Amino acid sequence: IGKKDITDNFSLSMHFFNKNISYVAVDMDKMLSERPEKIALLLEDIAAYLKSGELNSLPVTVYTPNKIAEAFKLIDEGKHIGKIIIDFKDQAVDVH
């Protein structure tokens, strides 16, 4: 669930709540501008959780430029979790 889902008034299926799950939306941009000290503390906590292994980062899927169509198809389907990267390292790119 992301900010775009909220601004686009995305509907969330109610069956998730059968599993005793709660969802809370936090506008990090607004919090950063209004309460930067709180964001600093939260980021310190997140870093500690990542370091201890209690929290894992999102998966990263890397595509080469010749597979860019596959990457965009995956993004368009909206079924991926994590980040999709197009790696142009060590490749010359013609700009037109």
C-alpha atoms as a PDB file:
ATOM      1  CA  ILE A   1       0.000   0.000   0.000  1.00  0.00           C
ATOM      2  CA  GLY A   2       1.516   3.303  -1.042  1.00  0.00           C
ATOM      3  CA  LYS A   3       0.718   6.983  -1.090  1.00  0.00           C
ATOM      4  CA  LYS A   4      -0.648   6.688  -4.645  1.00  0.00           C
ATOM      5  CA  ASP A   5      -3.128   4.054  -3.452  1.00  0.00           C
ATOM      6  CA  ILE A   6      -4.389   6.526  -0.864  1.00  0.00           C
ATOM      7  CA  THR A   7      -4.577   9.537  -3.197  1.00  0.00           C
ATOM      8  CA  ASP A   8      -6.305   7.404  -5.861  1.00  0.00           C
ATOM      9  CA  ASN A   9      -8.787   6.109  -3.242  1.00  0.00           C
ATOM     10  CA  PHE A  10      -7.730   2.473  -3.793  1.00  0.00           C
ATOM     11  CA  SER A  11     -10.083  -0.086  -2.237  1.00  0.00           C
ATOM     12  CA  LEU A  12      -8.577  -2.572   0.183  1.00  0.00           C
ATOM     13  CA  SER A  13     -10.146  -6.006   0.353  1.00  0.00           C
ATOM     14  CA  MET A  14     -11.655  -6.646   3.760  1.00  0.00           C
ATOM     15  CA  HIS A  15     -10.564 -10.309   3.904  1.00  0.00           C
ATOM     16  CA  PHE A  16      -7.147  -9.221   5.231  1.00  0.00           C
ATOM     17  CA  PHE A  17      -8.814  -8.161   8.466  1.00  0.00           C
ATOM     18  CA  ASN A  18      -9.947 -11.754   9.101  1.00  0.00           C
ATOM     19  CA  LYS A  19      -6.309 -12.474   9.970  1.00  0.00           C
ATOM     20  CA  ASN A  20      -6.328  -9.903  12.786  1.00  0.00           C
ATOM     21  CA  ILE A  21      -4.198  -7.486  10.734  1.00  0.00           C
ATOM     22  CA  SER A  22      -4.224  -3.699  11.072  1.00  0.00           C
ATOM     23  CA  TYR A  23      -3.162  -1.115   8.503  1.00  0.00           C
ATOM     24  CA  VAL A  24      -2.081   2.407   9.364  1.00  0.00           C
ATOM     25  CA  ALA A  25      -1.161   5.089   6.846  1.00  0.00           C
ATOM     26  CA  VAL A  26       1.691   7.455   7.696  1.00  0.00           C
ATOM     27  CA  ASP A  27       2.573  10.368   5.410  1.00  0.00           C
ATOM     28  CA  MET A  28       6.357  10.329   5.772  1.00  0.00           C
ATOM     29  CA  ASP A  29       6.799  13.499   3.657  1.00  0.00           C
ATOM     30  CA  LYS A  30       4.513  15.451   5.948  1.00  0.00           C
ATOM     31  CA  MET A  31       6.090  13.976   9.065  1.00  0.00           C
ATOM     32  CA  LEU A  32       9.575  14.839   7.785  1.00  0.00           C
ATOM     33  CA  SER A  33       8.633  18.487   7.308  1.00  0.00           C
ATOM     34  CA  GLU A  34       6.626  18.781  10.534  1.00  0.00           C
ATOM     35  CA  ARG A  35       8.571  16.507  12.918  1.00  0.00           C
ATOM     36  CA  PRO A  36      12.111  15.862  11.631  1.00  0.00           C
ATOM     37  CA  GLU A  37      13.311  14.786  15.088  1.00  0.00           C
ATOM     38  CA  LYS A  38      10.713  11.992  15.128  1.00  0.00           C
ATOM     39  CA  ILE A  39      11.821  10.789  11.676  1.00  0.00           C
ATOM     40  CA  ALA A  40      15.443  10.727  12.883  1.00  0.00           C
ATOM     41  CA  LEU A  41      14.482   8.471  15.809  1.00  0.00           C
ATOM     42  CA  LEU A  42      12.404   6.197  13.574  1.00  0.00           C
ATOM     43  CA  LEU A  43      15.264   5.842  11.084  1.00  0.00           C
ATOM     44  CA  GLU A  44      17.645   4.943  13.917  1.00  0.00           C
ATOM     45  CA  ASP A  45      15.201   2.227  15.039  1.00  0.00           C
ATOM     46  CA  ILE A  46      14.830   0.903  11.497  1.00  0.00           C
ATOM     47  CA  ALA A  47      18.611   0.786  11.042  1.00  0.00           C
ATOM     48  CA  ALA A  48      18.944  -1.197  14.280  1.00  0.00           C
ATOM     49  CA  TYR A  49      16.248  -3.675  13.181  1.00  0.00           C
ATOM     50  CA  LEU A  50      17.949  -4.136   9.799  1.00  0.00           C
ATOM     51  CA  LYS A  51      21.340  -4.656  11.439  1.00  0.00           C
ATOM     52  CA  SER A  52      19.960  -7.237  13.892  1.00  0.00           C
ATOM     53  CA  GLY A  53      18.108  -9.127  11.154  1.00  0.00           C
ATOM     54  CA  GLU A  54      14.713  -8.571  12.795  1.00  0.00           C
ATOM     55  CA  LEU A  55      13.682  -6.599   9.725  1.00  0.00           C
ATOM     56  CA  ASN A  56      14.594  -7.417   6.142  1.00  0.00           C
ATOM     57  CA  SER A  57      14.823  -4.944   3.312  1.00  0.00           C
ATOM     58  CA  LEU A  58      12.543  -5.237   0.309  1.00  0.00           C
ATOM     59  CA  PRO A  59      13.785  -7.432  -2.528  1.00  0.00           C
ATOM     60  CA  VAL A  60      15.575  -5.792  -5.446  1.00  0.00           C
ATOM     61  CA  THR A  61      15.159  -7.174  -8.972  1.00  0.00           C
ATOM     62  CA  VAL A  62      17.841  -6.022 -11.417  1.00  0.00           C
ATOM     63  CA  TYR A  63      17.337  -5.933 -15.179  1.00  0.00           C
ATOM     64  CA  THR A  64      19.826  -5.119 -17.912  1.00  0.00           C
ATOM     65  CA  PRO A  65      18.831  -2.539 -20.546  1.00  0.00           C
ATOM     66  CA  ASN A  66      18.063  -5.267 -23.095  1.00  0.00           C
ATOM     67  CA  LYS A  67      15.406  -6.608 -20.667  1.00  0.00           C
ATOM     68  CA  ILE A  68      13.798  -3.240 -19.984  1.00  0.00           C
ATOM     69  CA  ALA A  69      10.502  -4.281 -21.628  1.00  0.00           C
ATOM     70  CA  GLU A  70      10.214  -7.168 -19.144  1.00  0.00           C
ATOM     71  CA  ALA A  71      10.884  -4.784 -16.262  1.00  0.00           C
ATOM     72  CA  PHE A  72       8.178  -2.365 -17.384  1.00  0.00           C
ATOM     73  CA  LYS A  73       5.738  -5.222 -17.919  1.00  0.00           C
ATOM     74  CA  LEU A  74       6.317  -6.368 -14.337  1.00  0.00           C
ATOM     75  CA  ILE A  75       5.782  -2.826 -13.067  1.00  0.00           C
ATOM     76  CA  ASP A  76       2.630  -2.461 -15.175  1.00  0.00           C
ATOM     77  CA  GLU A  77       1.169  -5.678 -13.751  1.00  0.00           C
ATOM     78  CA  GLY A  78       1.551  -4.236 -10.253  1.00  0.00           C
ATOM     79  CA  LYS A  79       2.240  -7.649  -8.724  1.00  0.00           C
ATOM     80  CA  HIS A  80       5.875  -7.134  -7.755  1.00  0.00           C
ATOM     81  CA  ILE A  81       7.167  -6.415  -4.270  1.00  0.00           C
ATOM     82  CA  GLY A  82      10.280  -4.343  -3.796  1.00  0.00           C
ATOM     83  CA  LYS A  83      12.371  -2.326  -6.181  1.00  0.00           C
ATOM     84  CA  ILE A  84      13.019  -2.867  -9.873  1.00  0.00           C
ATOM     85  CA  ILE A  85      16.369  -1.573 -11.108  1.00  0.00           C
ATOM     86  CA  ILE A  86      17.633  -1.106 -14.661  1.00  0.00           C
ATOM     87  CA  ASP A  87      21.420  -1.474 -14.448  1.00  0.00           C
ATOM     88  CA  PHE A  88      23.228   0.541 -17.115  1.00  0.00           C
ATOM     89  CA  LYS A  89      26.626  -0.077 -15.531  1.00  0.00           C
ATOM     90  CA  ASP A  90      29.298  -1.032 -18.051  1.00  0.00           C
ATOM     91  CA  GLN A  91      26.965  -0.362 -20.986  1.00  0.00           C
ATOM     92  CA  ALA A  92      27.102   2.472 -23.465  1.00  0.00           C
ATOM     93  CA  VAL A  93      23.743   4.119 -23.992  1.00  0.00           C
ATOM     94  CA  ASP A  94      22.872   6.081 -27.128  1.00  0.00           C
ATOM     95  CA  VAL A  95      20.815   9.166 -26.362  1.00  0.00           C
ATOM     96  CA  HIS A  96      18.610  10.425 -29.186  1.00  0.00           C
END
